[in-house]
Amino acid sequence: MASGSGFPAALLALTLALALLAPPAAADGDAPFTVIIRASGPVPGNASIEHNISILWINTDDTENVTHRILLDADGDGVFNGSADIISGELQAECEKDENGTLLDEECSVTFKLKFNGTLTNGTFAYQDRLSSGTTHYGNITVATHAHGEEGEGTAHAHDDSHPHDEEPAQAEPERPGWLLWVAGLSAGGAALLALMLRQGSGS
C-alpha cells in the first residue's frame, strides 16, 4: 500500500509541467501606441506602428492656460488644416469631474485617439502639436502595412499589388498543431494517471 502514496506526487508534478509548457495566450494586437504630449513636444516625436493600430496622444502639459491640438496631414500635401486632414479638439491638462466621476464639461478632453487604417496606412504621416500659446511642435507616424491578405481589399493602395496575397495564407500556421498534439498527449497521460489513482484509492 506504500507504493500508492507516490501517485498524488506524480500527478502534481505532471500538472505543473503542463502549466509551464503550455503555449502562452496571444496578446491583444490592437493595443494603442501612446504618445505623451509635454510642454517641450510629443514623446516620442516619431513613431512606427503597424496597420490597424491606434495612436493615443495624452496631454500632460500643465502649463497654465495652455492647450494642445493635434493636426495630422492625412493627404500628404504639406497643409495641416485642409479639408482632408484630421484635427483633434483642444486637449486640456485635466478635466474636472463631479463626485460620480462624470465630466462637468463634456467637451473637455485630455486625450486624442486615432486609428491608422483605410487611407491612413502604408506611409509616413506628418503631424503638428499646436499649442494655444503659439508654439508648434512636429512629429511623424510611419505605418507599415501587413503583408497578409485578409485585410487587404478594404485598405489597399495601388502599390500594394506587389504583395502575393493569394500565396501567403497557405503558410499561415506552421508550428501550432505540433504543440497542441504534444500538450494533448501529456493531458491524456495525466487523465489516465488520475483515473488509476482514483481506482487504487477506491480499492483500498
N, C-alpha and C. Protein backbone atom coordinates (compact mmCIF):
# COMPACT_ATOMS: atom_id res chain seq x y z
N MET A 1 0.82 -1.21 0.00
CA MET A 1 0.00 0.00 0.00
C MET A 1 0.86 1.27 0.00
N ALA A 2 2.14 1.15 0.41
CA ALA A 2 3.01 2.32 0.49
C ALA A 2 3.29 2.87 -0.89
N SER A 3 3.30 1.95 -1.93
CA SER A 3 3.60 2.43 -3.27
C SER A 3 2.52 3.35 -3.81
N GLY A 4 1.28 3.22 -3.34
CA GLY A 4 0.19 4.06 -3.82
C GLY A 4 0.35 5.51 -3.45
N SER A 5 1.15 5.82 -2.43
CA SER A 5 1.29 7.20 -1.98
C SER A 5 2.08 8.04 -2.97
N GLY A 6 2.76 7.39 -3.93
CA GLY A 6 3.53 8.16 -4.90
C GLY A 6 2.68 8.78 -6.00
N PHE A 7 1.41 8.32 -6.16
CA PHE A 7 0.58 8.81 -7.25
C PHE A 7 0.22 10.29 -7.13
N PRO A 8 -0.19 10.79 -5.93
CA PRO A 8 -0.50 12.22 -5.86
C PRO A 8 0.69 13.09 -6.21
N ALA A 9 1.88 12.71 -5.78
CA ALA A 9 3.08 13.50 -6.09
C ALA A 9 3.35 13.50 -7.59
N ALA A 10 3.16 12.32 -8.23
CA ALA A 10 3.38 12.24 -9.67
C ALA A 10 2.36 13.09 -10.43
N LEU A 11 1.11 13.06 -9.96
CA LEU A 11 0.06 13.84 -10.60
C LEU A 11 0.33 15.34 -10.46
N LEU A 12 0.79 15.78 -9.29
CA LEU A 12 1.11 17.18 -9.07
C LEU A 12 2.25 17.62 -9.99
N ALA A 13 3.27 16.77 -10.12
CA ALA A 13 4.40 17.11 -10.99
C ALA A 13 3.96 17.24 -12.43
N LEU A 14 3.08 16.34 -12.87
CA LEU A 14 2.60 16.39 -14.24
C LEU A 14 1.77 17.64 -14.49
N THR A 15 0.93 18.01 -13.51
CA THR A 15 0.11 19.23 -13.64
C THR A 15 0.97 20.47 -13.77
N LEU A 16 2.02 20.56 -12.95
CA LEU A 16 2.93 21.70 -13.02
C LEU A 16 3.65 21.74 -14.35
N ALA A 17 4.05 20.57 -14.86
CA ALA A 17 4.74 20.53 -16.15
C ALA A 17 3.83 21.02 -17.27
N LEU A 18 2.55 20.63 -17.24
CA LEU A 18 1.61 21.10 -18.25
C LEU A 18 1.43 22.61 -18.19
N ALA A 19 1.35 23.16 -16.99
CA ALA A 19 1.16 24.61 -16.83
C ALA A 19 2.36 25.39 -17.36
N LEU A 20 3.57 24.82 -17.17
CA LEU A 20 4.78 25.52 -17.60
C LEU A 20 5.02 25.39 -19.09
N LEU A 21 4.63 24.26 -19.68
CA LEU A 21 4.96 24.00 -21.07
C LEU A 21 3.88 24.42 -22.05
N ALA A 22 2.69 24.73 -21.58
CA ALA A 22 1.61 25.13 -22.49
C ALA A 22 1.96 26.46 -23.14
N PRO A 23 1.62 26.63 -24.44
CA PRO A 23 1.93 27.89 -25.13
C PRO A 23 1.20 29.06 -24.50
N PRO A 24 1.85 30.24 -24.38
CA PRO A 24 1.20 31.40 -23.77
C PRO A 24 0.07 31.93 -24.64
N ALA A 25 -0.90 32.59 -24.01
CA ALA A 25 -2.01 33.18 -24.75
C ALA A 25 -1.51 34.36 -25.56
N ALA A 26 -2.11 34.57 -26.73
CA ALA A 26 -1.70 35.67 -27.60
C ALA A 26 -2.15 36.99 -27.02
N ALA A 27 -1.30 38.02 -27.13
CA ALA A 27 -1.64 39.34 -26.62
C ALA A 27 -2.55 40.06 -27.61
N ASP A 28 -3.29 41.06 -27.12
CA ASP A 28 -4.18 41.83 -27.97
C ASP A 28 -3.36 42.68 -28.91
N GLY A 29 -3.51 42.44 -30.21
CA GLY A 29 -2.69 43.15 -31.18
C GLY A 29 -3.19 44.54 -31.47
N ASP A 30 -4.29 44.98 -30.90
CA ASP A 30 -4.86 46.28 -31.19
C ASP A 30 -4.66 47.28 -30.05
N ALA A 31 -3.74 47.01 -29.15
CA ALA A 31 -3.46 47.95 -28.06
C ALA A 31 -2.88 49.23 -28.66
N PRO A 32 -3.34 50.41 -28.21
CA PRO A 32 -2.86 51.66 -28.81
C PRO A 32 -1.40 51.96 -28.47
N PHE A 33 -0.75 52.68 -29.37
CA PHE A 33 0.60 53.18 -29.15
C PHE A 33 0.47 54.56 -28.52
N THR A 34 1.08 54.77 -27.37
CA THR A 34 0.89 56.01 -26.61
C THR A 34 1.98 57.03 -26.91
N VAL A 35 1.55 58.25 -27.20
CA VAL A 35 2.46 59.40 -27.35
C VAL A 35 2.12 60.40 -26.26
N ILE A 36 3.11 60.76 -25.45
CA ILE A 36 2.92 61.71 -24.35
C ILE A 36 3.19 63.13 -24.86
N ILE A 37 2.23 64.03 -24.65
CA ILE A 37 2.39 65.43 -25.05
C ILE A 37 2.92 66.22 -23.86
N ARG A 38 4.09 66.76 -24.02
CA ARG A 38 4.70 67.60 -22.97
C ARG A 38 4.81 69.03 -23.47
N ALA A 39 5.21 69.93 -22.57
CA ALA A 39 5.39 71.32 -22.97
C ALA A 39 6.46 71.45 -24.04
N SER A 40 7.43 70.54 -24.02
CA SER A 40 8.54 70.57 -24.98
C SER A 40 8.22 69.81 -26.26
N GLY A 41 7.02 69.19 -26.34
CA GLY A 41 6.64 68.48 -27.56
C GLY A 41 6.23 67.04 -27.27
N PRO A 42 5.78 66.33 -28.31
CA PRO A 42 5.34 64.95 -28.14
C PRO A 42 6.52 63.99 -27.97
N VAL A 43 6.33 62.97 -27.12
CA VAL A 43 7.35 61.94 -26.87
C VAL A 43 6.71 60.57 -27.02
N PRO A 44 7.19 59.72 -27.97
CA PRO A 44 8.24 60.04 -28.95
C PRO A 44 7.69 60.94 -30.06
N GLY A 45 8.56 61.73 -30.63
CA GLY A 45 8.13 62.61 -31.71
C GLY A 45 7.85 61.84 -32.99
N ASN A 46 8.64 60.79 -33.24
CA ASN A 46 8.46 59.95 -34.42
C ASN A 46 8.15 58.53 -33.95
N ALA A 47 7.08 57.96 -34.49
CA ALA A 47 6.65 56.62 -34.07
C ALA A 47 6.42 55.75 -35.29
N SER A 48 6.72 54.46 -35.16
CA SER A 48 6.46 53.48 -36.21
C SER A 48 5.47 52.46 -35.67
N ILE A 49 4.38 52.26 -36.39
CA ILE A 49 3.35 51.32 -35.97
C ILE A 49 2.95 50.44 -37.15
N GLU A 50 2.18 49.40 -36.86
CA GLU A 50 1.63 48.55 -37.91
C GLU A 50 0.24 49.03 -38.30
N HIS A 51 -0.17 48.62 -39.47
CA HIS A 51 -1.52 48.94 -39.96
C HIS A 51 -2.58 48.47 -38.97
N ASN A 52 -3.62 49.27 -38.82
CA ASN A 52 -4.77 48.96 -37.95
C ASN A 52 -4.49 49.16 -36.47
N ILE A 53 -3.40 49.84 -36.13
CA ILE A 53 -3.09 50.18 -34.74
C ILE A 53 -3.43 51.65 -34.50
N SER A 54 -3.87 51.98 -33.30
CA SER A 54 -4.22 53.36 -32.95
C SER A 54 -3.06 54.07 -32.26
N ILE A 55 -3.00 55.37 -32.46
CA ILE A 55 -2.12 56.24 -31.68
C ILE A 55 -2.99 56.95 -30.64
N LEU A 56 -2.54 56.94 -29.39
CA LEU A 56 -3.24 57.66 -28.33
C LEU A 56 -2.32 58.76 -27.82
N TRP A 57 -2.67 60.02 -28.14
CA TRP A 57 -1.94 61.17 -27.63
C TRP A 57 -2.52 61.55 -26.26
N ILE A 58 -1.67 61.73 -25.27
CA ILE A 58 -2.10 62.09 -23.92
C ILE A 58 -1.41 63.40 -23.52
N ASN A 59 -2.19 64.42 -23.23
CA ASN A 59 -1.62 65.71 -22.85
C ASN A 59 -1.25 65.72 -21.37
N THR A 60 0.01 65.96 -21.08
CA THR A 60 0.47 66.08 -19.69
C THR A 60 1.05 67.46 -19.39
N ASP A 61 0.89 68.38 -20.33
CA ASP A 61 1.42 69.74 -20.14
C ASP A 61 0.45 70.54 -19.28
N ASP A 62 0.87 70.81 -18.04
CA ASP A 62 0.00 71.55 -17.11
C ASP A 62 0.34 73.04 -17.06
N THR A 63 0.98 73.54 -18.12
CA THR A 63 1.24 74.98 -18.18
C THR A 63 -0.09 75.73 -18.15
N GLU A 64 -0.16 76.75 -17.31
CA GLU A 64 -1.42 77.45 -17.10
C GLU A 64 -1.94 78.09 -18.38
N ASN A 65 -3.24 77.90 -18.65
CA ASN A 65 -3.94 78.47 -19.79
C ASN A 65 -3.38 78.06 -21.15
N VAL A 66 -2.74 76.89 -21.21
CA VAL A 66 -2.19 76.39 -22.48
C VAL A 66 -2.85 75.07 -22.82
N THR A 67 -3.39 74.98 -24.03
CA THR A 67 -3.96 73.73 -24.53
C THR A 67 -3.18 73.30 -25.77
N HIS A 68 -3.39 72.05 -26.18
CA HIS A 68 -2.71 71.49 -27.35
C HIS A 68 -3.75 71.00 -28.35
N ARG A 69 -3.37 71.02 -29.63
CA ARG A 69 -4.19 70.40 -30.68
C ARG A 69 -3.26 69.58 -31.57
N ILE A 70 -3.74 68.40 -31.98
CA ILE A 70 -3.00 67.56 -32.92
C ILE A 70 -3.61 67.75 -34.31
N LEU A 71 -2.77 68.08 -35.29
CA LEU A 71 -3.21 68.26 -36.67
C LEU A 71 -2.42 67.29 -37.55
N LEU A 72 -3.09 66.31 -38.13
CA LEU A 72 -2.44 65.29 -38.94
C LEU A 72 -2.64 65.61 -40.42
N ASP A 73 -1.54 65.66 -41.17
CA ASP A 73 -1.59 65.89 -42.61
C ASP A 73 -1.95 64.57 -43.30
N ALA A 74 -3.24 64.26 -43.34
CA ALA A 74 -3.71 62.95 -43.80
C ALA A 74 -3.49 62.74 -45.30
N ASP A 75 -3.54 63.82 -46.09
CA ASP A 75 -3.40 63.67 -47.54
C ASP A 75 -1.98 63.95 -48.04
N GLY A 76 -1.06 64.27 -47.13
CA GLY A 76 0.34 64.44 -47.50
C GLY A 76 0.65 65.64 -48.37
N ASP A 77 -0.20 66.69 -48.33
CA ASP A 77 0.05 67.86 -49.17
C ASP A 77 0.84 68.95 -48.47
N GLY A 78 1.28 68.69 -47.23
CA GLY A 78 2.06 69.68 -46.50
C GLY A 78 1.21 70.72 -45.78
N VAL A 79 -0.10 70.65 -45.95
CA VAL A 79 -1.02 71.56 -45.26
C VAL A 79 -1.69 70.76 -44.15
N PHE A 80 -1.73 71.33 -42.95
CA PHE A 80 -2.21 70.56 -41.79
C PHE A 80 -3.65 70.86 -41.40
N ASN A 81 -4.26 71.84 -42.05
CA ASN A 81 -5.65 72.16 -41.68
C ASN A 81 -6.55 72.15 -42.91
N GLY A 82 -6.24 71.28 -43.88
CA GLY A 82 -7.08 71.15 -45.06
C GLY A 82 -8.31 70.32 -44.76
N SER A 83 -9.21 70.26 -45.75
CA SER A 83 -10.48 69.56 -45.55
C SER A 83 -10.29 68.06 -45.37
N ALA A 84 -9.20 67.49 -45.91
CA ALA A 84 -8.96 66.05 -45.80
C ALA A 84 -8.11 65.70 -44.58
N ASP A 85 -7.62 66.71 -43.87
CA ASP A 85 -6.75 66.46 -42.73
C ASP A 85 -7.57 66.18 -41.47
N ILE A 86 -6.88 65.67 -40.44
CA ILE A 86 -7.55 65.27 -39.20
C ILE A 86 -7.05 66.15 -38.07
N ILE A 87 -7.98 66.77 -37.36
CA ILE A 87 -7.63 67.72 -36.29
C ILE A 87 -8.35 67.33 -35.02
N SER A 88 -7.61 67.25 -33.94
CA SER A 88 -8.21 66.94 -32.64
C SER A 88 -8.89 68.18 -32.07
N GLY A 89 -9.65 67.99 -31.02
CA GLY A 89 -10.14 69.13 -30.27
C GLY A 89 -9.03 69.68 -29.38
N GLU A 90 -9.35 70.69 -28.60
CA GLU A 90 -8.38 71.25 -27.66
C GLU A 90 -8.13 70.24 -26.54
N LEU A 91 -6.88 69.88 -26.35
CA LEU A 91 -6.52 68.92 -25.30
C LEU A 91 -6.07 69.67 -24.05
N GLN A 92 -6.82 69.46 -22.97
CA GLN A 92 -6.52 70.10 -21.69
C GLN A 92 -5.53 69.26 -20.88
N ALA A 93 -4.96 69.86 -19.87
CA ALA A 93 -4.08 69.11 -18.96
C ALA A 93 -4.91 68.22 -18.05
N GLU A 94 -6.14 68.66 -17.73
CA GLU A 94 -7.03 67.85 -16.90
C GLU A 94 -8.45 68.35 -17.05
N CYS A 95 -9.40 67.44 -16.83
CA CYS A 95 -10.82 67.78 -16.96
C CYS A 95 -11.51 67.58 -15.61
N GLU A 96 -12.30 68.56 -15.20
CA GLU A 96 -13.00 68.48 -13.91
C GLU A 96 -14.13 67.46 -13.97
N LYS A 97 -14.29 66.71 -12.89
CA LYS A 97 -15.37 65.72 -12.78
C LYS A 97 -16.12 65.92 -11.47
N ASP A 98 -17.37 65.47 -11.45
CA ASP A 98 -18.13 65.55 -10.20
C ASP A 98 -17.82 64.35 -9.32
N GLU A 99 -18.53 64.23 -8.21
CA GLU A 99 -18.24 63.15 -7.25
C GLU A 99 -18.52 61.77 -7.82
N ASN A 100 -19.28 61.70 -8.91
CA ASN A 100 -19.58 60.41 -9.54
C ASN A 100 -18.62 60.08 -10.69
N GLY A 101 -17.65 60.96 -10.92
CA GLY A 101 -16.70 60.73 -11.99
C GLY A 101 -17.18 61.19 -13.35
N THR A 102 -18.28 61.95 -13.40
CA THR A 102 -18.82 62.44 -14.66
C THR A 102 -18.18 63.78 -15.01
N LEU A 103 -17.82 63.94 -16.29
CA LEU A 103 -17.22 65.19 -16.73
C LEU A 103 -18.18 66.36 -16.52
N LEU A 104 -17.69 67.44 -15.96
CA LEU A 104 -18.50 68.64 -15.82
C LEU A 104 -18.66 69.34 -17.16
N ASP A 105 -17.65 69.23 -18.02
CA ASP A 105 -17.70 69.78 -19.37
C ASP A 105 -17.50 68.63 -20.34
N GLU A 106 -18.54 68.25 -21.06
CA GLU A 106 -18.47 67.11 -21.97
C GLU A 106 -17.50 67.35 -23.13
N GLU A 107 -17.20 68.59 -23.40
CA GLU A 107 -16.27 68.92 -24.49
C GLU A 107 -14.82 68.77 -24.06
N CYS A 108 -14.59 68.69 -22.77
CA CYS A 108 -13.21 68.63 -22.26
C CYS A 108 -12.59 67.27 -22.56
N SER A 109 -11.33 67.30 -23.00
CA SER A 109 -10.62 66.06 -23.29
C SER A 109 -9.14 66.23 -23.02
N VAL A 110 -8.54 65.18 -22.49
CA VAL A 110 -7.10 65.15 -22.24
C VAL A 110 -6.39 64.33 -23.31
N THR A 111 -7.13 63.43 -23.97
CA THR A 111 -6.52 62.50 -24.93
C THR A 111 -7.17 62.63 -26.30
N PHE A 112 -6.42 62.16 -27.29
CA PHE A 112 -6.91 62.08 -28.66
C PHE A 112 -6.44 60.75 -29.24
N LYS A 113 -7.39 59.95 -29.74
CA LYS A 113 -7.06 58.62 -30.27
C LYS A 113 -7.43 58.54 -31.74
N LEU A 114 -6.50 58.02 -32.54
CA LEU A 114 -6.72 57.92 -33.98
C LEU A 114 -6.22 56.57 -34.47
N LYS A 115 -7.08 55.84 -35.19
CA LYS A 115 -6.72 54.53 -35.73
C LYS A 115 -6.18 54.69 -37.14
N PHE A 116 -5.05 54.03 -37.41
CA PHE A 116 -4.40 54.15 -38.70
C PHE A 116 -4.78 52.94 -39.57
N ASN A 117 -5.86 53.14 -40.33
CA ASN A 117 -6.30 52.15 -41.30
C ASN A 117 -6.95 52.90 -42.44
N GLY A 118 -7.56 52.19 -43.38
CA GLY A 118 -8.15 52.87 -44.52
C GLY A 118 -7.08 53.61 -45.31
N THR A 119 -7.27 54.92 -45.50
CA THR A 119 -6.28 55.71 -46.24
C THR A 119 -5.06 56.05 -45.39
N LEU A 120 -5.17 55.90 -44.08
CA LEU A 120 -4.04 56.20 -43.18
C LEU A 120 -3.19 54.96 -42.99
N THR A 121 -2.54 54.52 -44.04
CA THR A 121 -1.72 53.31 -43.93
C THR A 121 -0.64 53.31 -45.00
N ASN A 122 0.37 52.49 -44.78
CA ASN A 122 1.45 52.29 -45.74
C ASN A 122 2.12 53.60 -46.14
N GLY A 123 2.68 54.27 -45.15
CA GLY A 123 3.38 55.51 -45.44
C GLY A 123 3.71 56.26 -44.17
N THR A 124 4.29 57.45 -44.33
CA THR A 124 4.63 58.31 -43.19
C THR A 124 3.74 59.54 -43.22
N PHE A 125 3.12 59.82 -42.08
CA PHE A 125 2.18 60.93 -41.95
C PHE A 125 2.74 61.94 -40.96
N ALA A 126 2.93 63.17 -41.44
CA ALA A 126 3.42 64.24 -40.57
C ALA A 126 2.27 64.83 -39.77
N TYR A 127 2.58 65.26 -38.56
CA TYR A 127 1.55 65.95 -37.77
C TYR A 127 2.17 67.09 -36.98
N GLN A 128 1.32 68.00 -36.56
CA GLN A 128 1.73 69.12 -35.73
C GLN A 128 1.08 69.01 -34.36
N ASP A 129 1.83 69.41 -33.34
CA ASP A 129 1.29 69.61 -32.00
C ASP A 129 1.27 71.12 -31.78
N ARG A 130 0.10 71.74 -31.97
CA ARG A 130 -0.01 73.20 -31.87
C ARG A 130 -0.50 73.59 -30.49
N LEU A 131 0.26 74.46 -29.85
CA LEU A 131 -0.10 74.98 -28.53
C LEU A 131 -0.88 76.27 -28.68
N SER A 132 -1.80 76.51 -27.77
CA SER A 132 -2.56 77.75 -27.81
C SER A 132 -1.67 78.97 -27.57
N SER A 133 -0.47 78.75 -27.07
CA SER A 133 0.48 79.85 -26.84
C SER A 133 1.15 80.30 -28.13
N GLY A 134 0.96 79.55 -29.22
CA GLY A 134 1.56 79.91 -30.50
C GLY A 134 2.72 79.02 -30.91
N THR A 135 3.21 78.19 -30.01
CA THR A 135 4.31 77.27 -30.33
C THR A 135 3.79 76.06 -31.11
N THR A 136 4.60 75.54 -32.02
CA THR A 136 4.23 74.35 -32.78
C THR A 136 5.37 73.34 -32.73
N HIS A 137 5.04 72.11 -32.41
CA HIS A 137 6.00 71.00 -32.45
C HIS A 137 5.57 70.05 -33.57
N TYR A 138 6.55 69.30 -34.10
CA TYR A 138 6.28 68.43 -35.23
C TYR A 138 6.60 66.98 -34.89
N GLY A 139 5.89 66.07 -35.55
CA GLY A 139 6.14 64.65 -35.38
C GLY A 139 5.75 63.89 -36.63
N ASN A 140 6.10 62.61 -36.67
CA ASN A 140 5.77 61.74 -37.80
C ASN A 140 5.27 60.39 -37.30
N ILE A 141 4.29 59.84 -38.01
CA ILE A 141 3.80 58.49 -37.75
C ILE A 141 4.05 57.67 -39.01
N THR A 142 4.86 56.62 -38.90
CA THR A 142 5.12 55.73 -40.03
C THR A 142 4.31 54.46 -39.84
N VAL A 143 3.51 54.12 -40.85
CA VAL A 143 2.61 52.97 -40.78
C VAL A 143 3.06 51.93 -41.79
N ALA A 144 3.29 50.71 -41.32
CA ALA A 144 3.69 49.60 -42.18
C ALA A 144 2.49 48.69 -42.40
N THR A 145 2.15 48.45 -43.65
CA THR A 145 1.02 47.58 -43.96
C THR A 145 1.42 46.14 -43.79
N HIS A 146 0.53 45.33 -43.17
CA HIS A 146 0.75 43.89 -43.07
C HIS A 146 0.81 43.29 -44.45
N ALA A 147 1.65 42.26 -44.61
CA ALA A 147 1.72 41.56 -45.88
C ALA A 147 0.60 40.56 -46.05
N HIS A 148 -0.16 40.27 -44.96
CA HIS A 148 -1.22 39.26 -45.02
C HIS A 148 -2.38 39.76 -45.87
N GLY A 149 -3.05 38.86 -46.50
CA GLY A 149 -4.10 39.23 -47.43
C GLY A 149 -5.46 39.44 -46.82
N GLU A 150 -5.67 39.09 -45.53
CA GLU A 150 -7.04 39.08 -45.04
C GLU A 150 -7.67 40.45 -44.94
N GLU A 151 -6.86 41.54 -44.78
CA GLU A 151 -7.45 42.86 -44.64
C GLU A 151 -7.15 43.73 -45.86
N GLY A 152 -6.58 43.16 -46.89
CA GLY A 152 -6.07 43.96 -47.99
C GLY A 152 -7.12 44.65 -48.82
N GLU A 153 -8.30 44.06 -49.02
CA GLU A 153 -9.21 44.60 -50.01
C GLU A 153 -9.75 45.96 -49.63
N GLY A 154 -10.12 46.17 -48.37
CA GLY A 154 -10.73 47.43 -47.99
C GLY A 154 -9.73 48.55 -47.80
N THR A 155 -8.45 48.25 -47.64
CA THR A 155 -7.48 49.28 -47.27
C THR A 155 -6.30 49.37 -48.22
N ALA A 156 -6.29 48.60 -49.29
CA ALA A 156 -5.10 48.53 -50.14
C ALA A 156 -4.94 49.80 -50.96
N HIS A 157 -3.67 50.21 -51.17
CA HIS A 157 -3.32 51.25 -52.11
C HIS A 157 -2.89 50.59 -53.41
N ALA A 158 -2.67 51.41 -54.43
CA ALA A 158 -2.33 50.84 -55.73
C ALA A 158 -1.04 50.05 -55.68
N HIS A 159 -0.05 50.52 -54.92
CA HIS A 159 1.22 49.82 -54.90
C HIS A 159 1.23 48.63 -53.95
N ASP A 160 0.08 48.32 -53.32
CA ASP A 160 0.01 47.11 -52.51
C ASP A 160 -0.09 45.85 -53.35
N ASP A 161 -0.30 46.00 -54.69
CA ASP A 161 -0.48 44.83 -55.54
C ASP A 161 0.76 43.98 -55.64
N SER A 162 1.91 44.50 -55.21
CA SER A 162 3.14 43.72 -55.26
C SER A 162 3.17 42.61 -54.24
N HIS A 163 2.27 42.66 -53.25
CA HIS A 163 2.24 41.61 -52.23
C HIS A 163 1.55 40.37 -52.77
N PRO A 164 2.11 39.18 -52.61
CA PRO A 164 1.48 37.95 -53.11
C PRO A 164 0.34 37.52 -52.21
N HIS A 165 -0.84 38.17 -52.35
CA HIS A 165 -1.96 37.93 -51.44
C HIS A 165 -2.43 36.48 -51.46
N ASP A 166 -2.43 35.84 -52.66
CA ASP A 166 -3.02 34.51 -52.73
C ASP A 166 -2.03 33.40 -52.42
N GLU A 167 -0.76 33.73 -52.10
CA GLU A 167 0.20 32.69 -51.79
C GLU A 167 0.41 32.53 -50.28
N GLU A 168 0.25 33.61 -49.51
CA GLU A 168 0.65 33.58 -48.11
C GLU A 168 -0.26 32.80 -47.16
N PRO A 169 -1.61 32.78 -47.37
CA PRO A 169 -2.45 32.07 -46.42
C PRO A 169 -2.10 30.59 -46.26
N ALA A 170 -1.49 29.97 -47.30
CA ALA A 170 -1.16 28.55 -47.21
C ALA A 170 -0.08 28.28 -46.17
N GLN A 171 0.69 29.32 -45.77
CA GLN A 171 1.78 29.13 -44.81
C GLN A 171 1.44 29.75 -43.47
N ALA A 172 0.17 29.91 -43.15
CA ALA A 172 -0.23 30.73 -42.01
C ALA A 172 0.15 30.16 -40.66
N GLU A 173 -0.03 28.86 -40.38
CA GLU A 173 0.15 28.34 -39.03
C GLU A 173 1.07 27.13 -39.03
N PRO A 174 2.39 27.33 -39.09
CA PRO A 174 3.29 26.20 -39.24
C PRO A 174 3.52 25.36 -38.00
N GLU A 175 3.52 25.95 -36.78
CA GLU A 175 4.01 25.21 -35.62
C GLU A 175 2.95 24.87 -34.58
N ARG A 176 1.82 25.53 -34.60
CA ARG A 176 0.83 25.33 -33.55
C ARG A 176 0.36 23.89 -33.39
N PRO A 177 0.02 23.15 -34.53
CA PRO A 177 -0.53 21.80 -34.34
C PRO A 177 0.40 20.87 -33.59
N GLY A 178 1.73 20.98 -33.81
CA GLY A 178 2.66 20.13 -33.08
C GLY A 178 2.60 20.37 -31.58
N TRP A 179 2.56 21.62 -31.20
CA TRP A 179 2.44 21.98 -29.77
C TRP A 179 1.15 21.42 -29.18
N LEU A 180 0.05 21.63 -29.93
CA LEU A 180 -1.23 21.21 -29.39
C LEU A 180 -1.31 19.69 -29.22
N LEU A 181 -0.76 18.94 -30.19
CA LEU A 181 -0.78 17.48 -30.07
C LEU A 181 0.07 17.02 -28.90
N TRP A 182 1.22 17.69 -28.71
CA TRP A 182 2.13 17.29 -27.62
C TRP A 182 1.48 17.54 -26.26
N VAL A 183 0.86 18.74 -26.13
CA VAL A 183 0.19 19.07 -24.87
C VAL A 183 -1.01 18.16 -24.64
N ALA A 184 -1.74 17.84 -25.74
CA ALA A 184 -2.88 16.94 -25.61
C ALA A 184 -2.44 15.56 -25.14
N GLY A 185 -1.28 15.12 -25.64
CA GLY A 185 -0.76 13.81 -25.20
C GLY A 185 -0.43 13.81 -23.73
N LEU A 186 0.20 14.87 -23.26
CA LEU A 186 0.52 14.96 -21.83
C LEU A 186 -0.76 15.02 -20.99
N SER A 187 -1.77 15.75 -21.49
CA SER A 187 -3.03 15.84 -20.76
C SER A 187 -3.70 14.47 -20.66
N ALA A 188 -3.65 13.71 -21.76
CA ALA A 188 -4.25 12.37 -21.74
C ALA A 188 -3.53 11.48 -20.75
N GLY A 189 -2.19 11.60 -20.70
CA GLY A 189 -1.42 10.82 -19.73
C GLY A 189 -1.80 11.18 -18.31
N GLY A 190 -1.98 12.48 -18.07
CA GLY A 190 -2.38 12.92 -16.73
C GLY A 190 -3.75 12.39 -16.35
N ALA A 191 -4.69 12.36 -17.32
CA ALA A 191 -6.02 11.85 -17.04
C ALA A 191 -5.98 10.36 -16.71
N ALA A 192 -5.14 9.62 -17.46
CA ALA A 192 -5.03 8.18 -17.19
C ALA A 192 -4.44 7.93 -15.80
N LEU A 193 -3.44 8.77 -15.45
CA LEU A 193 -2.80 8.61 -14.15
C LEU A 193 -3.79 8.92 -13.02
N LEU A 194 -4.63 9.95 -13.24
CA LEU A 194 -5.63 10.31 -12.24
C LEU A 194 -6.66 9.19 -12.07
N ALA A 195 -7.08 8.59 -13.20
CA ALA A 195 -8.05 7.51 -13.13
C ALA A 195 -7.48 6.30 -12.38
N LEU A 196 -6.18 6.02 -12.63
CA LEU A 196 -5.55 4.90 -11.94
C LEU A 196 -5.45 5.16 -10.45
N MET A 197 -5.13 6.41 -10.08
CA MET A 197 -5.01 6.76 -8.67
C MET A 197 -6.37 6.63 -7.95
N LEU A 198 -7.43 7.10 -8.65
CA LEU A 198 -8.75 7.02 -8.06
C LEU A 198 -9.20 5.56 -7.90
N ARG A 199 -8.86 4.72 -8.88
CA ARG A 199 -9.25 3.31 -8.82
C ARG A 199 -8.55 2.61 -7.64
N GLN A 200 -7.22 2.95 -7.48
CA GLN A 200 -6.50 2.33 -6.37
C GLN A 200 -7.02 2.83 -5.02
N GLY A 201 -7.40 4.12 -4.99
CA GLY A 201 -7.91 4.68 -3.74
C GLY A 201 -9.23 4.05 -3.36
N SER A 202 -10.10 3.79 -4.35
CA SER A 202 -11.39 3.19 -4.03
C SER A 202 -11.26 1.72 -3.67
N GLY A 203 -10.18 1.06 -4.17
CA GLY A 203 -10.00 -0.34 -3.87
C GLY A 203 -9.38 -0.60 -2.51
N SER A 204 -8.76 0.39 -1.90
CA SER A 204 -8.09 0.19 -0.61
C SER A 204 -9.06 0.28 0.55
